[in-house]
Amino acid sequence: MKTFAKYDYYIQLFFIIIGPQAFIFSGLSGFVLFYFIVGTPQLVSFLIKLFFKTKKSPLYIAYGIVIIPVWIIVAILFTEKHINDFFGYVLMAALLYSPVMAAAYVYDCYNIYKPYKSQL
């Protein structure tokens, strides 16, 4: 867990720094690119941590409750090409809260890594 926590934190930190730059330098297309650049590594990290036998933080649980449904809706959108209004509203709301949750997830990764950091 110590090695994973270290690499996970630095990977998440890297992508949370790169993501906004894609938005700044790519214009409107960078807005969507930002969500995939930051969100994909976080989704992978979230799913890996899901199978660890460690205690989950409230922030980790909150992240899963609000972000995983967004990924499910995006997957449905790619397969169905048409979504109902409710899913559209959820995606619109996600545009507002996703950046906050992404930053919170990186903070949670740091809190997991912090105890191991002093052992190195």
PDB file of N, CA and C in Angstrom:
ATOM      1  N   MET A   1       0.826  -1.195   0.000  1.00  0.00           N
ATOM      2  CA  MET A   1       0.000   0.000   0.000  1.00  0.00           C
ATOM      3  C   MET A   1       0.866   1.252   0.000  1.00  0.00           C
ATOM      4  N   LYS A   2       2.023   1.181   0.660  1.00  0.00           N
ATOM      5  CA  LYS A   2       2.887   2.352   0.753  1.00  0.00           C
ATOM      6  C   LYS A   2       3.350   2.800  -0.629  1.00  0.00           C
ATOM      7  N   THR A   3       3.784   1.868  -1.437  1.00  0.00           N
ATOM      8  CA  THR A   3       4.251   2.211  -2.780  1.00  0.00           C
ATOM      9  C   THR A   3       3.109   2.728  -3.642  1.00  0.00           C
ATOM     10  N   PHE A   4       1.966   2.059  -3.565  1.00  0.00           N
ATOM     11  CA  PHE A   4       0.822   2.526  -4.342  1.00  0.00           C
ATOM     12  C   PHE A   4       0.412   3.923  -3.922  1.00  0.00           C
ATOM     13  N   ALA A   5       0.358   4.195  -2.620  1.00  0.00           N
ATOM     14  CA  ALA A   5      -0.053   5.514  -2.124  1.00  0.00           C
ATOM     15  C   ALA A   5       0.882   6.600  -2.635  1.00  0.00           C
ATOM     16  N   LYS A   6       2.161   6.305  -2.646  1.00  0.00           N
ATOM     17  CA  LYS A   6       3.134   7.288  -3.126  1.00  0.00           C
ATOM     18  C   LYS A   6       2.930   7.587  -4.603  1.00  0.00           C
ATOM     19  N   TYR A   7       2.913   6.550  -5.419  1.00  0.00           N
ATOM     20  CA  TYR A   7       2.764   6.757  -6.859  1.00  0.00           C
ATOM     21  C   TYR A   7       1.397   7.331  -7.199  1.00  0.00           C
ATOM     22  N   ASP A   8       0.385   6.882  -6.511  1.00  0.00           N
ATOM     23  CA  ASP A   8      -0.966   7.383  -6.773  1.00  0.00           C
ATOM     24  C   ASP A   8      -1.041   8.877  -6.501  1.00  0.00           C
ATOM     25  N   TYR A   9      -0.491   9.318  -5.391  1.00  0.00           N
ATOM     26  CA  TYR A   9      -0.530  10.747  -5.060  1.00  0.00           C
ATOM     27  C   TYR A   9       0.181  11.562  -6.130  1.00  0.00           C
ATOM     28  N   TYR A  10       1.381  11.151  -6.518  1.00  0.00           N
ATOM     29  CA  TYR A  10       2.140  11.935  -7.489  1.00  0.00           C
ATOM     30  C   TYR A  10       1.505  11.892  -8.883  1.00  0.00           C
ATOM     31  N   ILE A  11       0.917  10.784  -9.244  1.00  0.00           N
ATOM     32  CA  ILE A  11       0.212  10.709 -10.538  1.00  0.00           C
ATOM     33  C   ILE A  11      -1.000  11.634 -10.534  1.00  0.00           C
ATOM     34  N   GLN A  12      -1.775  11.599  -9.444  1.00  0.00           N
ATOM     35  CA  GLN A  12      -2.960  12.466  -9.352  1.00  0.00           C
ATOM     36  C   GLN A  12      -2.555  13.936  -9.349  1.00  0.00           C
ATOM     37  N   LEU A  13      -1.489  14.253  -8.651  1.00  0.00           N
ATOM     38  CA  LEU A  13      -0.998  15.636  -8.613  1.00  0.00           C
ATOM     39  C   LEU A  13      -0.558  16.091 -10.004  1.00  0.00           C
ATOM     40  N   PHE A  14       0.130  15.218 -10.720  1.00  0.00           N
ATOM     41  CA  PHE A  14       0.569  15.542 -12.074  1.00  0.00           C
ATOM     42  C   PHE A  14      -0.620  15.865 -12.976  1.00  0.00           C
ATOM     43  N   PHE A  15      -1.648  15.008 -12.951  1.00  0.00           N
ATOM     44  CA  PHE A  15      -2.784  15.214 -13.835  1.00  0.00           C
ATOM     45  C   PHE A  15      -3.652  16.396 -13.423  1.00  0.00           C
ATOM     46  N   ILE A  16      -3.717  16.705 -12.140  1.00  0.00           N
ATOM     47  CA  ILE A  16      -4.507  17.864 -11.719  1.00  0.00           C
ATOM     48  C   ILE A  16      -3.798  19.163 -12.114  1.00  0.00           C
ATOM     49  N   ILE A  17      -2.484  19.099 -12.334  1.00  0.00           N
ATOM     50  CA  ILE A  17      -1.747  20.266 -12.824  1.00  0.00           C
ATOM     51  C   ILE A  17      -1.838  20.363 -14.342  1.00  0.00           C
ATOM     52  N   ILE A  18      -1.757  19.243 -15.030  1.00  0.00           N
ATOM     53  CA  ILE A  18      -1.806  19.225 -16.499  1.00  0.00           C
ATOM     54  C   ILE A  18      -3.210  19.527 -17.026  1.00  0.00           C
ATOM     55  N   GLY A  19      -4.235  19.042 -16.354  1.00  0.00           N
ATOM     56  CA  GLY A  19      -5.613  19.210 -16.820  1.00  0.00           C
ATOM     57  C   GLY A  19      -6.012  20.650 -17.065  1.00  0.00           C
ATOM     58  N   PRO A  20      -5.828  21.557 -16.131  1.00  0.00           N
ATOM     59  CA  PRO A  20      -6.201  22.957 -16.386  1.00  0.00           C
ATOM     60  C   PRO A  20      -5.409  23.600 -17.520  1.00  0.00           C
ATOM     61  N   GLN A  21      -4.178  23.153 -17.717  1.00  0.00           N
ATOM     62  CA  GLN A  21      -3.397  23.691 -18.828  1.00  0.00           C
ATOM     63  C   GLN A  21      -4.009  23.301 -20.167  1.00  0.00           C
ATOM     64  N   ALA A  22      -4.559  22.114 -20.257  1.00  0.00           N
ATOM     65  CA  ALA A  22      -5.248  21.695 -21.485  1.00  0.00           C
ATOM     66  C   ALA A  22      -6.441  22.603 -21.733  1.00  0.00           C
ATOM     67  N   PHE A  23      -7.139  22.953 -20.674  1.00  0.00           N
ATOM     68  CA  PHE A  23      -8.281  23.854 -20.793  1.00  0.00           C
ATOM     69  C   PHE A  23      -7.834  25.238 -21.252  1.00  0.00           C
ATOM     70  N   ILE A  24      -6.764  25.742 -20.674  1.00  0.00           N
ATOM     71  CA  ILE A  24      -6.292  27.098 -20.990  1.00  0.00           C
ATOM     72  C   ILE A  24      -5.778  27.186 -22.421  1.00  0.00           C
ATOM     73  N   PHE A  25      -5.002  26.200 -22.853  1.00  0.00           N
ATOM     74  CA  PHE A  25      -4.351  26.283 -24.154  1.00  0.00           C
ATOM     75  C   PHE A  25      -5.155  25.701 -25.315  1.00  0.00           C
ATOM     76  N   SER A  26      -6.244  24.984 -25.019  1.00  0.00           N
ATOM     77  CA  SER A  26      -7.013  24.360 -26.106  1.00  0.00           C
ATOM     78  C   SER A  26      -8.377  24.986 -26.322  1.00  0.00           C
ATOM     79  N   GLY A  27      -8.726  25.982 -25.570  1.00  0.00           N
ATOM     80  CA  GLY A  27     -10.020  26.629 -25.754  1.00  0.00           C
ATOM     81  C   GLY A  27     -11.161  25.750 -25.292  1.00  0.00           C
ATOM     82  N   LEU A  28     -12.273  25.824 -25.989  1.00  0.00           N
ATOM     83  CA  LEU A  28     -13.480  25.108 -25.595  1.00  0.00           C
ATOM     84  C   LEU A  28     -13.302  23.594 -25.636  1.00  0.00           C
ATOM     85  N   SER A  29     -12.552  23.091 -26.609  1.00  0.00           N
ATOM     86  CA  SER A  29     -12.321  21.649 -26.655  1.00  0.00           C
ATOM     87  C   SER A  29     -11.474  21.195 -25.462  1.00  0.00           C
ATOM     88  N   GLY A  30     -10.671  22.094 -24.940  1.00  0.00           N
ATOM     89  CA  GLY A  30      -9.874  21.787 -23.766  1.00  0.00           C
ATOM     90  C   GLY A  30     -10.711  21.615 -22.522  1.00  0.00           C
ATOM     91  N   PHE A  31     -11.907  22.197 -22.523  1.00  0.00           N
ATOM     92  CA  PHE A  31     -12.811  22.059 -21.388  1.00  0.00           C
ATOM     93  C   PHE A  31     -13.204  20.601 -21.197  1.00  0.00           C
ATOM     94  N   VAL A  32     -13.569  19.939 -22.265  1.00  0.00           N
ATOM     95  CA  VAL A  32     -13.914  18.517 -22.198  1.00  0.00           C
ATOM     96  C   VAL A  32     -12.651  17.691 -21.978  1.00  0.00           C
ATOM     97  N   LEU A  33     -11.575  18.097 -22.629  1.00  0.00           N
ATOM     98  CA  LEU A  33     -10.299  17.400 -22.467  1.00  0.00           C
ATOM     99  C   LEU A  33      -9.842  17.419 -21.011  1.00  0.00           C
ATOM    100  N   PHE A  34     -10.057  18.539 -20.330  1.00  0.00           N
ATOM    101  CA  PHE A  34      -9.711  18.661 -18.917  1.00  0.00           C
ATOM    102  C   PHE A  34     -10.368  17.558 -18.099  1.00  0.00           C
ATOM    103  N   TYR A  35     -11.646  17.321 -18.333  1.00  0.00           N
ATOM    104  CA  TYR A  35     -12.367  16.322 -17.557  1.00  0.00           C
ATOM    105  C   TYR A  35     -11.833  14.913 -17.798  1.00  0.00           C
ATOM    106  N   PHE A  36     -11.453  14.616 -19.008  1.00  0.00           N
ATOM    107  CA  PHE A  36     -10.921  13.285 -19.287  1.00  0.00           C
ATOM    108  C   PHE A  36      -9.472  13.137 -18.819  1.00  0.00           C
ATOM    109  N   ILE A  37      -8.681  14.193 -18.923  1.00  0.00           N
ATOM    110  CA  ILE A  37      -7.286  14.134 -18.468  1.00  0.00           C
ATOM    111  C   ILE A  37      -7.220  13.929 -16.963  1.00  0.00           C
ATOM    112  N   VAL A  38      -8.048  14.649 -16.229  1.00  0.00           N
ATOM    113  CA  VAL A  38      -8.028  14.556 -14.770  1.00  0.00           C
ATOM    114  C   VAL A  38      -8.871  13.374 -14.291  1.00  0.00           C
ATOM    115  N   GLY A  39     -10.012  13.159 -14.915  1.00  0.00           N
ATOM    116  CA  GLY A  39     -10.962  12.165 -14.431  1.00  0.00           C
ATOM    117  C   GLY A  39     -10.577  10.718 -14.665  1.00  0.00           C
ATOM    118  N   THR A  40      -9.954  10.423 -15.782  1.00  0.00           N
ATOM    119  CA  THR A  40      -9.615   9.032 -16.083  1.00  0.00           C
ATOM    120  C   THR A  40      -8.626   8.435 -15.087  1.00  0.00           C
ATOM    121  N   PRO A  41      -7.510   9.116 -14.782  1.00  0.00           N
ATOM    122  CA  PRO A  41      -6.614   8.543 -13.762  1.00  0.00           C
ATOM    123  C   PRO A  41      -7.276   8.452 -12.384  1.00  0.00           C
ATOM    124  N   GLN A  42      -8.158   9.399 -12.089  1.00  0.00           N
ATOM    125  CA  GLN A  42      -8.851   9.328 -10.805  1.00  0.00           C
ATOM    126  C   GLN A  42      -9.817   8.155 -10.760  1.00  0.00           C
ATOM    127  N   LEU A  43     -10.479   7.883 -11.856  1.00  0.00           N
ATOM    128  CA  LEU A  43     -11.383   6.732 -11.906  1.00  0.00           C
ATOM    129  C   LEU A  43     -10.604   5.433 -11.719  1.00  0.00           C
ATOM    130  N   VAL A  44      -9.472   5.308 -12.396  1.00  0.00           N
ATOM    131  CA  VAL A  44      -8.644   4.103 -12.264  1.00  0.00           C
ATOM    132  C   VAL A  44      -8.163   3.957 -10.819  1.00  0.00           C
ATOM    133  N   SER A  45      -7.685   5.047 -10.246  1.00  0.00           N
ATOM    134  CA  SER A  45      -7.222   5.028  -8.862  1.00  0.00           C
ATOM    135  C   SER A  45      -8.354   4.657  -7.909  1.00  0.00           C
ATOM    136  N   PHE A  46      -9.519   5.243  -8.127  1.00  0.00           N
ATOM    137  CA  PHE A  46     -10.675   4.957  -7.277  1.00  0.00           C
ATOM    138  C   PHE A  46     -11.019   3.470  -7.323  1.00  0.00           C
ATOM    139  N   LEU A  47     -11.046   2.904  -8.521  1.00  0.00           N
ATOM    140  CA  LEU A  47     -11.408   1.495  -8.659  1.00  0.00           C
ATOM    141  C   LEU A  47     -10.351   0.573  -8.052  1.00  0.00           C
ATOM    142  N   ILE A  48      -9.085   0.933  -8.152  1.00  0.00           N
ATOM    143  CA  ILE A  48      -8.035   0.127  -7.519  1.00  0.00           C
ATOM    144  C   ILE A  48      -8.182   0.169  -6.008  1.00  0.00           C
ATOM    145  N   LYS A  49      -8.376   1.360  -5.460  1.00  0.00           N
ATOM    146  CA  LYS A  49      -8.528   1.505  -4.002  1.00  0.00           C
ATOM    147  C   LYS A  49      -9.773   0.802  -3.488  1.00  0.00           C
ATOM    148  N   LEU A  50     -10.756   0.651  -4.335  1.00  0.00           N
ATOM    149  CA  LEU A  50     -11.993  -0.010  -3.949  1.00  0.00           C
ATOM    150  C   LEU A  50     -11.733  -1.438  -3.475  1.00  0.00           C
ATOM    151  N   PHE A  51     -10.728  -2.084  -4.045  1.00  0.00           N
ATOM    152  CA  PHE A  51     -10.440  -3.473  -3.712  1.00  0.00           C
ATOM    153  C   PHE A  51      -9.407  -3.642  -2.604  1.00  0.00           C
ATOM    154  N   PHE A  52      -8.842  -2.538  -2.118  1.00  0.00           N
ATOM    155  CA  PHE A  52      -7.949  -2.622  -0.957  1.00  0.00           C
ATOM    156  C   PHE A  52      -8.776  -2.847   0.297  1.00  0.00           C
ATOM    157  N   LYS A  53      -8.225  -3.565   1.225  1.00  0.00           N
ATOM    158  CA  LYS A  53      -8.924  -3.877   2.476  1.00  0.00           C
ATOM    159  C   LYS A  53      -8.671  -2.806   3.543  1.00  0.00           C
ATOM    160  N   THR A  54      -8.491  -1.570   3.133  1.00  0.00           N
ATOM    161  CA  THR A  54      -8.256  -0.484   4.080  1.00  0.00           C
ATOM    162  C   THR A  54      -9.557   0.266   4.341  1.00  0.00           C
ATOM    163  N   LYS A  55      -9.562   1.017   5.430  1.00  0.00           N
ATOM    164  CA  LYS A  55     -10.725   1.831   5.759  1.00  0.00           C
ATOM    165  C   LYS A  55     -10.831   2.988   4.763  1.00  0.00           C
ATOM    166  N   LYS A  56     -12.018   3.193   4.258  1.00  0.00           N
ATOM    167  CA  LYS A  56     -12.254   4.245   3.271  1.00  0.00           C
ATOM    168  C   LYS A  56     -12.614   5.547   3.988  1.00  0.00           C
ATOM    169  N   SER A  57     -12.024   6.640   3.528  1.00  0.00           N
ATOM    170  CA  SER A  57     -12.295   7.936   4.138  1.00  0.00           C
ATOM    171  C   SER A  57     -13.664   8.450   3.674  1.00  0.00           C
ATOM    172  N   PRO A  58     -14.269   9.345   4.450  1.00  0.00           N
ATOM    173  CA  PRO A  58     -15.547   9.938   4.023  1.00  0.00           C
ATOM    174  C   PRO A  58     -15.426  10.676   2.692  1.00  0.00           C
ATOM    175  N   LEU A  59     -14.279  11.292   2.441  1.00  0.00           N
ATOM    176  CA  LEU A  59     -14.068  11.993   1.178  1.00  0.00           C
ATOM    177  C   LEU A  59     -14.031  11.019   0.003  1.00  0.00           C
ATOM    178  N   TYR A  60     -13.408   9.863   0.204  1.00  0.00           N
ATOM    179  CA  TYR A  60     -13.362   8.821  -0.827  1.00  0.00           C
ATOM    180  C   TYR A  60     -14.778   8.327  -1.143  1.00  0.00           C
ATOM    181  N   ILE A  61     -15.565   8.109  -0.109  1.00  0.00           N
ATOM    182  CA  ILE A  61     -16.941   7.640  -0.288  1.00  0.00           C
ATOM    183  C   ILE A  61     -17.783   8.697  -1.006  1.00  0.00           C
ATOM    184  N   ALA A  62     -17.640   9.958  -0.598  1.00  0.00           N
ATOM    185  CA  ALA A  62     -18.380  11.045  -1.242  1.00  0.00           C
ATOM    186  C   ALA A  62     -17.990  11.163  -2.718  1.00  0.00           C
ATOM    187  N   TYR A  63     -16.702  11.026  -2.994  1.00  0.00           N
ATOM    188  CA  TYR A  63     -16.226  11.074  -4.377  1.00  0.00           C
ATOM    189  C   TYR A  63     -16.910   9.989  -5.213  1.00  0.00           C
ATOM    190  N   GLY A  64     -16.952   8.791  -4.663  1.00  0.00           N
ATOM    191  CA  GLY A  64     -17.587   7.690  -5.378  1.00  0.00           C
ATOM    192  C   GLY A  64     -19.069   7.917  -5.621  1.00  0.00           C
ATOM    193  N   ILE A  65     -19.749   8.503  -4.648  1.00  0.00           N
ATOM    194  CA  ILE A  65     -21.190   8.725  -4.772  1.00  0.00           C
ATOM    195  C   ILE A  65     -21.510   9.755  -5.851  1.00  0.00           C
ATOM    196  N   VAL A  66     -20.680  10.792  -5.984  1.00  0.00           N
ATOM    197  CA  VAL A  66     -21.020  11.842  -6.943  1.00  0.00           C
ATOM    198  C   VAL A  66     -20.323  11.710  -8.298  1.00  0.00           C
ATOM    199  N   ILE A  67     -19.222  10.984  -8.374  1.00  0.00           N
ATOM    200  CA  ILE A  67     -18.484  10.912  -9.639  1.00  0.00           C
ATOM    201  C   ILE A  67     -18.759   9.628 -10.424  1.00  0.00           C
ATOM    202  N   ILE A  68     -18.890   8.513  -9.768  1.00  0.00           N
ATOM    203  CA  ILE A  68     -19.123   7.251 -10.486  1.00  0.00           C
ATOM    204  C   ILE A  68     -20.397   7.302 -11.339  1.00  0.00           C
ATOM    205  N   PRO A  69     -21.504   7.875 -10.848  1.00  0.00           N
ATOM    206  CA  PRO A  69     -22.679   7.975 -11.728  1.00  0.00           C
ATOM    207  C   PRO A  69     -22.415   8.798 -12.994  1.00  0.00           C
ATOM    208  N   VAL A  70     -21.551   9.790 -12.901  1.00  0.00           N
ATOM    209  CA  VAL A  70     -21.221  10.590 -14.080  1.00  0.00           C
ATOM    210  C   VAL A  70     -20.515   9.722 -15.118  1.00  0.00           C
ATOM    211  N   TRP A  71     -19.575   8.889 -14.669  1.00  0.00           N
ATOM    212  CA  TRP A  71     -18.883   8.002 -15.608  1.00  0.00           C
ATOM    213  C   TRP A  71     -19.838   6.985 -16.222  1.00  0.00           C
ATOM    214  N   ILE A  72     -20.785   6.516 -15.450  1.00  0.00           N
ATOM    215  CA  ILE A  72     -21.781   5.579 -15.985  1.00  0.00           C
ATOM    216  C   ILE A  72     -22.626   6.265 -17.054  1.00  0.00           C
ATOM    217  N   ILE A  73     -23.029   7.507 -16.790  1.00  0.00           N
ATOM    218  CA  ILE A  73     -23.831   8.257 -17.770  1.00  0.00           C
ATOM    219  C   ILE A  73     -23.018   8.517 -19.039  1.00  0.00           C
ATOM    220  N   VAL A  74     -21.742   8.846 -18.890  1.00  0.00           N
ATOM    221  CA  VAL A  74     -20.887   9.066 -20.064  1.00  0.00           C
ATOM    222  C   VAL A  74     -20.761   7.778 -20.871  1.00  0.00           C
ATOM    223  N   ALA A  75     -20.620   6.646 -20.189  1.00  0.00           N
ATOM    224  CA  ALA A  75     -20.552   5.360 -20.899  1.00  0.00           C
ATOM    225  C   ALA A  75     -21.858   5.083 -21.640  1.00  0.00           C
ATOM    226  N   ILE A  76     -22.981   5.382 -21.011  1.00  0.00           N
ATOM    227  CA  ILE A  76     -24.282   5.211 -21.674  1.00  0.00           C
ATOM    228  C   ILE A  76     -24.378   6.135 -22.880  1.00  0.00           C
ATOM    229  N   LEU A  77     -23.906   7.355 -22.731  1.00  0.00           N
ATOM    230  CA  LEU A  77     -23.945   8.316 -23.828  1.00  0.00           C
ATOM    231  C   LEU A  77     -23.139   7.831 -25.027  1.00  0.00           C
ATOM    232  N   PHE A  78     -21.981   7.212 -24.775  1.00  0.00           N
ATOM    233  CA  PHE A  78     -21.167   6.704 -25.877  1.00  0.00           C
ATOM    234  C   PHE A  78     -21.797   5.501 -26.555  1.00  0.00           C
ATOM    235  N   THR A  79     -22.618   4.744 -25.834  1.00  0.00           N
ATOM    236  CA  THR A  79     -23.221   3.563 -26.444  1.00  0.00           C
ATOM    237  C   THR A  79     -24.600   3.847 -27.027  1.00  0.00           C
ATOM    238  N   GLU A  80     -25.374   4.691 -26.380  1.00  0.00           N
ATOM    239  CA  GLU A  80     -26.755   4.929 -26.810  1.00  0.00           C
ATOM    240  C   GLU A  80     -26.914   6.135 -27.726  1.00  0.00           C
ATOM    241  N   LYS A  81     -26.040   7.112 -27.628  1.00  0.00           N
ATOM    242  CA  LYS A  81     -26.093   8.347 -28.420  1.00  0.00           C
ATOM    243  C   LYS A  81     -27.300   9.228 -28.090  1.00  0.00           C
ATOM    244  N   HIS A  82     -28.127   8.800 -27.172  1.00  0.00           N
ATOM    245  CA  HIS A  82     -29.282   9.609 -26.768  1.00  0.00           C
ATOM    246  C   HIS A  82     -29.548   9.339 -25.293  1.00  0.00           C
ATOM    247  N   ILE A  83     -29.678  10.398 -24.539  1.00  0.00           N
ATOM    248  CA  ILE A  83     -29.966  10.243 -23.123  1.00  0.00           C
ATOM    249  C   ILE A  83     -31.192  11.066 -22.766  1.00  0.00           C
ATOM    250  N   ASN A  84     -31.848  10.672 -21.696  1.00  0.00           N
ATOM    251  CA  ASN A  84     -33.021  11.434 -21.294  1.00  0.00           C
ATOM    252  C   ASN A  84     -32.588  12.698 -20.553  1.00  0.00           C
ATOM    253  N   ASP A  85     -33.560  13.549 -20.246  1.00  0.00           N
ATOM    254  CA  ASP A  85     -33.268  14.842 -19.637  1.00  0.00           C
ATOM    255  C   ASP A  85     -32.575  14.724 -18.290  1.00  0.00           C
ATOM    256  N   PHE A  86     -32.971  13.754 -17.472  1.00  0.00           N
ATOM    257  CA  PHE A  86     -32.373  13.618 -16.150  1.00  0.00           C
ATOM    258  C   PHE A  86     -30.866  13.403 -16.249  1.00  0.00           C
ATOM    259  N   PHE A  87     -30.442  12.514 -17.140  1.00  0.00           N
ATOM    260  CA  PHE A  87     -29.015  12.264 -17.312  1.00  0.00           C
ATOM    261  C   PHE A  87     -28.304  13.526 -17.807  1.00  0.00           C
ATOM    262  N   GLY A  88     -28.959  14.269 -18.671  1.00  0.00           N
ATOM    263  CA  GLY A  88     -28.386  15.524 -19.156  1.00  0.00           C
ATOM    264  C   GLY A  88     -28.191  16.522 -18.037  1.00  0.00           C
ATOM    265  N   TYR A  89     -29.156  16.608 -17.133  1.00  0.00           N
ATOM    266  CA  TYR A  89     -29.034  17.521 -15.985  1.00  0.00           C
ATOM    267  C   TYR A  89     -27.911  17.088 -15.047  1.00  0.00           C
ATOM    268  N   VAL A  90     -27.767  15.798 -14.863  1.00  0.00           N
ATOM    269  CA  VAL A  90     -26.679  15.300 -14.011  1.00  0.00           C
ATOM    270  C   VAL A  90     -25.329  15.666 -14.633  1.00  0.00           C
ATOM    271  N   LEU A  91     -25.203  15.501 -15.939  1.00  0.00           N
ATOM    272  CA  LEU A  91     -23.944  15.859 -16.601  1.00  0.00           C
ATOM    273  C   LEU A  91     -23.673  17.353 -16.518  1.00  0.00           C
ATOM    274  N   MET A  92     -24.706  18.164 -16.645  1.00  0.00           N
ATOM    275  CA  MET A  92     -24.535  19.618 -16.531  1.00  0.00           C
ATOM    276  C   MET A  92     -24.093  19.992 -15.122  1.00  0.00           C
ATOM    277  N   ALA A  93     -24.694  19.374 -14.123  1.00  0.00           N
ATOM    278  CA  ALA A  93     -24.299  19.649 -12.737  1.00  0.00           C
ATOM    279  C   ALA A  93     -22.869  19.179 -12.489  1.00  0.00           C
ATOM    280  N   ALA A  94     -22.492  18.084 -13.129  1.00  0.00           N
ATOM    281  CA  ALA A  94     -21.142  17.547 -12.952  1.00  0.00           C
ATOM    282  C   ALA A  94     -20.085  18.523 -13.467  1.00  0.00           C
ATOM    283  N   LEU A  95     -20.436  19.323 -14.464  1.00  0.00           N
ATOM    284  CA  LEU A  95     -19.488  20.317 -14.952  1.00  0.00           C
ATOM    285  C   LEU A  95     -19.117  21.304 -13.857  1.00  0.00           C
ATOM    286  N   LEU A  96     -20.033  21.518 -12.930  1.00  0.00           N
ATOM    287  CA  LEU A  96     -19.779  22.462 -11.840  1.00  0.00           C
ATOM    288  C   LEU A  96     -19.044  21.829 -10.664  1.00  0.00           C
ATOM    289  N   TYR A  97     -19.450  20.634 -10.267  1.00  0.00           N
ATOM    290  CA  TYR A  97     -18.860  20.064  -9.056  1.00  0.00           C
ATOM    291  C   TYR A  97     -17.664  19.140  -9.314  1.00  0.00           C
ATOM    292  N   SER A  98     -17.456  18.697 -10.520  1.00  0.00           N
ATOM    293  CA  SER A  98     -16.340  17.789 -10.804  1.00  0.00           C
ATOM    294  C   SER A  98     -14.966  18.381 -10.504  1.00  0.00           C
ATOM    295  N   PRO A  99     -14.690  19.631 -10.870  1.00  0.00           N
ATOM    296  CA  PRO A  99     -13.365  20.173 -10.526  1.00  0.00           C
ATOM    297  C   PRO A  99     -13.110  20.223  -9.016  1.00  0.00           C
ATOM    298  N   VAL A 100     -14.146  20.526  -8.254  1.00  0.00           N
ATOM    299  CA  VAL A 100     -14.005  20.558  -6.800  1.00  0.00           C
ATOM    300  C   VAL A 100     -13.732  19.149  -6.274  1.00  0.00           C
ATOM    301  N   MET A 101     -14.474  18.181  -6.777  1.00  0.00           N
ATOM    302  CA  MET A 101     -14.280  16.799  -6.336  1.00  0.00           C
ATOM    303  C   MET A 101     -12.915  16.260  -6.781  1.00  0.00           C
ATOM    304  N   ALA A 102     -12.438  16.698  -7.951  1.00  0.00           N
ATOM    305  CA  ALA A 102     -11.118  16.264  -8.414  1.00  0.00           C
ATOM    306  C   ALA A 102     -10.031  16.770  -7.466  1.00  0.00           C
ATOM    307  N   ALA A 103     -10.127  18.029  -7.066  1.00  0.00           N
ATOM    308  CA  ALA A 103      -9.157  18.587  -6.117  1.00  0.00           C
ATOM    309  C   ALA A 103      -9.272  17.888  -4.762  1.00  0.00           C
ATOM    310  N   ALA A 104     -10.493  17.601  -4.342  1.00  0.00           N
ATOM    311  CA  ALA A 104     -10.702  16.904  -3.070  1.00  0.00           C
ATOM    312  C   ALA A 104     -10.107  15.498  -3.122  1.00  0.00           C
ATOM    313  N   TYR A 105     -10.193  14.846  -4.280  1.00  0.00           N
ATOM    314  CA  TYR A 105      -9.641  13.502  -4.414  1.00  0.00           C
ATOM    315  C   TYR A 105      -8.117  13.531  -4.291  1.00  0.00           C
ATOM    316  N   VAL A 106      -7.490  14.524  -4.880  1.00  0.00           N
ATOM    317  CA  VAL A 106      -6.033  14.644  -4.766  1.00  0.00           C
ATOM    318  C   VAL A 106      -5.656  14.896  -3.306  1.00  0.00           C
ATOM    319  N   TYR A 107      -6.433  15.705  -2.614  1.00  0.00           N
ATOM    320  CA  TYR A 107      -6.196  15.963  -1.194  1.00  0.00           C
ATOM    321  C   TYR A 107      -6.339  14.667  -0.392  1.00  0.00           C
ATOM    322  N   ASP A 108      -7.328  13.859  -0.725  1.00  0.00           N
ATOM    323  CA  ASP A 108      -7.509  12.571  -0.054  1.00  0.00           C
ATOM    324  C   ASP A 108      -6.326  11.644  -0.330  1.00  0.00           C
ATOM    325  N   CYS A 109      -5.827  11.648  -1.564  1.00  0.00           N
ATOM    326  CA  CYS A 109      -4.646  10.847  -1.895  1.00  0.00           C
ATOM    327  C   CYS A 109      -3.447  11.294  -1.065  1.00  0.00           C
ATOM    328  N   TYR A 110      -3.322  12.613  -0.871  1.00  0.00           N
ATOM    329  CA  TYR A 110      -2.229  13.109  -0.042  1.00  0.00           C
ATOM    330  C   TYR A 110      -2.390  12.655   1.404  1.00  0.00           C
ATOM    331  N   ASN A 111      -3.601  12.686   1.917  1.00  0.00           N
ATOM    332  CA  ASN A 111      -3.833  12.248   3.300  1.00  0.00           C
ATOM    333  C   ASN A 111      -3.525  10.766   3.487  1.00  0.00           C
ATOM    334  N   ILE A 112      -3.721   9.975   2.459  1.00  0.00           N
ATOM    335  CA  ILE A 112      -3.374   8.552   2.528  1.00  0.00           C
ATOM    336  C   ILE A 112      -1.855   8.376   2.469  1.00  0.00           C
ATOM    337  N   TYR A 113      -1.202   9.177   1.656  1.00  0.00           N
ATOM    338  CA  TYR A 113       0.250   9.079   1.470  1.00  0.00           C
ATOM    339  C   TYR A 113       1.025   9.679   2.643  1.00  0.00           C
ATOM    340  N   LYS A 114       0.484  10.692   3.310  1.00  0.00           N
ATOM    341  CA  LYS A 114       1.187  11.429   4.352  1.00  0.00           C
ATOM    342  C   LYS A 114       1.792  10.541   5.452  1.00  0.00           C
ATOM    343  N   PRO A 115       1.074   9.569   6.020  1.00  0.00           N
ATOM    344  CA  PRO A 115       1.717   8.739   7.052  1.00  0.00           C
ATOM    345  C   PRO A 115       2.895   7.917   6.520  1.00  0.00           C
ATOM    346  N   TYR A 116       2.801   7.495   5.273  1.00  0.00           N
ATOM    347  CA  TYR A 116       3.900   6.713   4.684  1.00  0.00           C
ATOM    348  C   TYR A 116       5.100   7.598   4.344  1.00  0.00           C
ATOM    349  N   LYS A 117       4.817   8.868   4.060  1.00  0.00           N
ATOM    350  CA  LYS A 117       5.868   9.803   3.688  1.00  0.00           C
ATOM    351  C   LYS A 117       6.906   9.942   4.802  1.00  0.00           C
ATOM    352  N   SER A 118       6.463   9.953   6.030  1.00  0.00           N
ATOM    353  CA  SER A 118       7.393  10.112   7.149  1.00  0.00           C
ATOM    354  C   SER A 118       8.222   8.838   7.381  1.00  0.00           C
ATOM    355  N   GLN A 119       7.775   7.715   6.844  1.00  0.00           N
ATOM    356  CA  GLN A 119       8.499   6.459   7.020  1.00  0.00           C
ATOM    357  C   GLN A 119       9.624   6.280   6.002  1.00  0.00           C
ATOM    358  N   LEU A 120       9.608   7.070   4.947  1.00  0.00           N
ATOM    359  CA  LEU A 120      10.596   6.893   3.874  1.00  0.00           C
ATOM    360  C   LEU A 120      11.963   7.390   4.252  1.00  0.00           C
TER     361      LEU A 120
END
